[in-house]
Amino acid sequence: MGERKNLVTLKGEPIVLVGHAVKVGDRAPDVELVDNDMNPVSLSGYFGKILVLSSVSSLDTPVCDVQTRRFNEEASKLGNDVQIITVSMDLPFAQKRWCGMAGVDRVTTLSDYRSGDFGDLYGVFIKDVHLLARAIFVLDRKATVRYIQIVPEIGQEPDYDPVLREVKALVEETPAVGAPG
């Protein structure tokens, strides 16, 4: 398992990310996560759609809250062929509680608490605190990683504009299976 230093900070202090960093052009790793009802869910079940994987430390922190709410707002503008998934180490029932309180109904929240495989396979596992770094991965319909944004400071929001541009370009680039065009 590789370690990457000086890529991300927490309150200005460098932190160590561990895992296998995916790169643009890689096939997205499949991983089993846990849904809000404690059921196992394979990420590959979403392959075939354009996916936005939004990695956050905890939904109960202000920036993660804002990030997930923002993607929930954007989801309604992107169409049914785009799926936004927020992944955190939060327990599934905490994610469910948070979604209910926040009114988040367009973003799917999945937990990596059982195995940490998402953090490992996507290279966003924070070594010393057992949380995920703030990052965005955009996958095309063939599950190819098309865009990655590792946010350099955990306490800052991602830059949403390039994420949304990439998603919109993918929507225009390849129509959904069975769609005209």
Protein backbone atom coordinates (compact mmCIF):
# COMPACT_ATOMS: atom_id res chain seq x y z
CA MET A 1 0.00 0.00 0.00
CA GLY A 2 1.56 3.28 -1.12
CA GLU A 3 1.88 6.37 1.00
CA ARG A 4 1.62 9.87 -0.44
CA LYS A 5 2.81 12.86 1.51
CA ASN A 6 2.49 16.60 0.88
CA LEU A 7 -0.56 16.18 -1.34
CA VAL A 8 -3.18 17.19 1.23
CA THR A 9 -3.19 19.25 4.41
CA LEU A 10 -5.49 19.45 7.40
CA LYS A 11 -5.52 22.92 8.92
CA GLY A 12 -2.27 23.59 7.07
CA GLU A 13 -0.50 20.50 8.41
CA PRO A 14 0.52 17.82 5.89
CA ILE A 15 -1.26 14.48 6.20
CA VAL A 16 -0.43 11.10 4.72
CA LEU A 17 -2.76 9.44 2.23
CA VAL A 18 -2.46 5.71 1.78
CA GLY A 19 -3.72 3.47 -0.96
CA HIS A 20 -3.43 2.89 -4.65
CA ALA A 21 -3.96 6.23 -6.35
CA VAL A 22 -6.12 5.91 -9.43
CA LYS A 23 -5.26 8.00 -12.45
CA VAL A 24 -7.27 9.53 -15.25
CA GLY A 25 -7.71 6.82 -17.87
CA ASP A 26 -7.73 3.95 -15.36
CA ARG A 27 -10.67 1.59 -15.09
CA ALA A 28 -12.45 2.56 -11.87
CA PRO A 29 -11.93 -0.04 -9.17
CA ASP A 30 -15.05 -1.84 -8.04
CA VAL A 31 -15.53 -1.76 -4.30
CA GLU A 32 -18.20 -2.94 -1.90
CA LEU A 33 -19.67 -0.19 0.27
CA VAL A 34 -22.62 -0.12 2.66
CA ASP A 35 -25.90 1.70 2.00
CA ASN A 36 -28.00 3.55 4.57
CA ASP A 37 -29.91 0.36 5.42
CA MET A 38 -26.68 -1.57 6.16
CA ASN A 39 -26.84 -3.52 2.89
CA PRO A 40 -23.67 -4.21 0.87
CA VAL A 41 -23.57 -2.32 -2.41
CA SER A 42 -21.03 -2.81 -5.18
CA LEU A 43 -19.92 0.31 -6.94
CA SER A 44 -20.07 -1.67 -10.19
CA GLY A 45 -23.86 -1.68 -9.81
CA TYR A 46 -23.71 1.97 -10.88
CA PHE A 47 -21.34 1.41 -13.81
CA GLY A 48 -23.09 2.27 -17.06
CA LYS A 49 -24.03 5.70 -15.76
CA ILE A 50 -21.83 8.75 -15.51
CA LEU A 51 -20.69 8.71 -11.90
CA VAL A 52 -19.51 11.48 -9.64
CA LEU A 53 -17.82 9.98 -6.59
CA SER A 54 -17.58 12.61 -3.90
CA SER A 55 -15.26 11.52 -1.09
CA VAL A 56 -15.71 13.35 2.21
CA SER A 57 -14.36 12.96 5.74
CA SER A 58 -17.69 13.16 7.58
CA LEU A 59 -21.12 14.49 6.66
CA ASP A 60 -21.35 15.96 10.16
CA THR A 61 -18.63 18.52 9.41
CA PRO A 62 -19.44 21.91 7.86
CA VAL A 63 -17.54 21.62 4.56
CA CYS A 64 -18.65 18.04 3.88
CA ASP A 65 -22.21 19.16 4.61
CA VAL A 66 -21.95 22.05 2.12
CA GLN A 67 -20.28 19.87 -0.52
CA THR A 68 -22.94 17.17 -0.37
CA ARG A 69 -25.81 19.67 -0.35
CA ARG A 70 -24.28 21.42 -3.39
CA PHE A 71 -24.04 18.14 -5.32
CA ASN A 72 -27.62 17.35 -4.31
CA GLU A 73 -28.71 20.65 -5.92
CA GLU A 74 -26.66 19.99 -9.04
CA ALA A 75 -27.98 16.43 -9.41
CA SER A 76 -31.41 17.63 -10.51
CA LYS A 77 -29.82 19.61 -13.38
CA LEU A 78 -27.68 16.77 -14.71
CA GLY A 79 -30.30 14.25 -15.78
CA ASN A 80 -31.08 10.64 -14.98
CA ASP A 81 -27.93 9.25 -16.60
CA VAL A 82 -25.73 10.89 -13.96
CA GLN A 83 -25.41 9.40 -10.48
CA ILE A 84 -23.73 11.31 -7.66
CA ILE A 85 -22.46 9.23 -4.76
CA THR A 86 -20.97 10.62 -1.58
CA VAL A 87 -18.64 8.20 0.17
CA SER A 88 -17.50 8.63 3.76
CA MET A 89 -16.45 6.54 6.74
CA ASP A 90 -19.60 7.65 8.59
CA LEU A 91 -21.74 4.80 9.86
CA PRO A 92 -24.68 4.12 7.52
CA PHE A 93 -27.34 5.09 10.06
CA ALA A 94 -25.51 8.40 10.66
CA GLN A 95 -25.55 9.00 6.89
CA LYS A 96 -29.27 8.22 6.78
CA ARG A 97 -29.97 10.57 9.70
CA TRP A 98 -27.91 13.33 8.09
CA CYS A 99 -29.64 12.95 4.70
CA GLY A 100 -33.04 13.17 6.36
CA MET A 101 -32.11 16.28 8.34
CA ALA A 102 -30.42 17.93 5.34
CA GLY A 103 -33.14 17.03 2.85
CA VAL A 104 -30.60 15.32 0.60
CA ASP A 105 -32.54 13.04 -1.71
CA ARG A 106 -30.70 13.10 -5.04
CA VAL A 107 -27.25 12.08 -3.85
CA THR A 108 -26.66 8.51 -2.73
CA THR A 109 -24.56 8.22 0.42
CA LEU A 110 -22.50 5.07 0.88
CA SER A 111 -20.21 4.12 3.74
CA ASP A 112 -16.68 2.74 3.58
CA TYR A 113 -16.60 2.04 7.33
CA ARG A 114 -16.41 -1.76 7.10
CA SER A 115 -13.31 -2.29 5.03
CA GLY A 116 -11.83 1.04 4.00
CA ASP A 117 -11.49 -0.47 0.51
CA PHE A 118 -12.71 2.69 -1.24
CA GLY A 119 -10.09 4.75 0.58
CA ASP A 120 -7.43 2.20 -0.30
CA LEU A 121 -8.38 1.57 -3.93
CA TYR A 122 -8.91 5.27 -4.73
CA GLY A 123 -5.91 6.46 -2.69
CA VAL A 124 -7.81 8.80 -0.36
CA PHE A 125 -7.50 7.03 3.01
CA ILE A 126 -6.03 9.38 5.64
CA LYS A 127 -3.52 7.28 7.56
CA ASP A 128 -3.61 8.80 11.03
CA VAL A 129 -7.33 9.50 11.45
CA HIS A 130 -9.06 6.65 9.56
CA LEU A 131 -11.11 9.04 7.41
CA LEU A 132 -11.30 9.82 3.71
CA ALA A 133 -9.73 12.87 2.11
CA ARG A 134 -11.90 15.30 0.19
CA ALA A 135 -11.80 14.26 -3.45
CA ILE A 136 -13.95 14.02 -6.55
CA PHE A 137 -13.75 11.29 -9.19
CA VAL A 138 -15.78 11.45 -12.40
CA LEU A 139 -16.31 8.17 -14.25
CA ASP A 140 -17.73 7.75 -17.72
CA ARG A 141 -20.34 5.16 -18.66
CA LYS A 142 -17.61 2.56 -19.21
CA ALA A 143 -16.28 3.14 -15.66
CA THR A 144 -13.16 4.88 -16.92
CA VAL A 145 -11.83 7.58 -14.61
CA ARG A 146 -12.13 10.80 -16.60
CA TYR A 147 -11.46 13.45 -13.95
CA ILE A 148 -9.89 13.55 -10.49
CA GLN A 149 -9.73 16.39 -8.01
CA ILE A 150 -7.93 15.82 -4.72
CA VAL A 151 -8.71 18.92 -2.67
CA PRO A 152 -5.39 20.14 -1.24
CA GLU A 153 -6.82 21.36 2.09
CA ILE A 154 -9.36 19.12 3.82
CA GLY A 155 -11.16 22.18 5.22
CA GLN A 156 -11.85 23.67 1.77
CA GLU A 157 -14.62 22.93 -0.69
CA PRO A 158 -13.75 21.40 -4.03
CA ASP A 159 -13.78 23.50 -7.19
CA TYR A 160 -17.19 22.48 -8.52
CA ASP A 161 -16.92 24.12 -11.94
CA PRO A 162 -14.43 21.72 -13.58
CA VAL A 163 -16.30 18.73 -12.13
CA LEU A 164 -19.59 19.91 -13.59
CA ARG A 165 -17.98 20.79 -16.94
CA GLU A 166 -16.58 17.27 -17.20
CA VAL A 167 -19.91 15.68 -16.32
CA LYS A 168 -21.79 17.83 -18.85
CA ALA A 169 -19.20 17.03 -21.53
CA LEU A 170 -19.65 13.31 -20.84
CA VAL A 171 -23.43 13.64 -21.05
CA GLU A 172 -23.08 15.26 -24.48
CA GLU A 173 -20.27 12.94 -25.62
CA THR A 174 -21.92 9.57 -25.23
CA PRO A 175 -25.66 9.05 -25.16
CA ALA A 176 -27.03 6.50 -22.75
CA VAL A 177 -27.43 2.95 -23.99
CA GLY A 178 -30.64 2.72 -25.96
CA ALA A 179 -30.88 6.49 -26.33
CA PRO A 180 -31.12 7.98 -29.80
CA GLY A 181 -28.06 9.63 -31.19
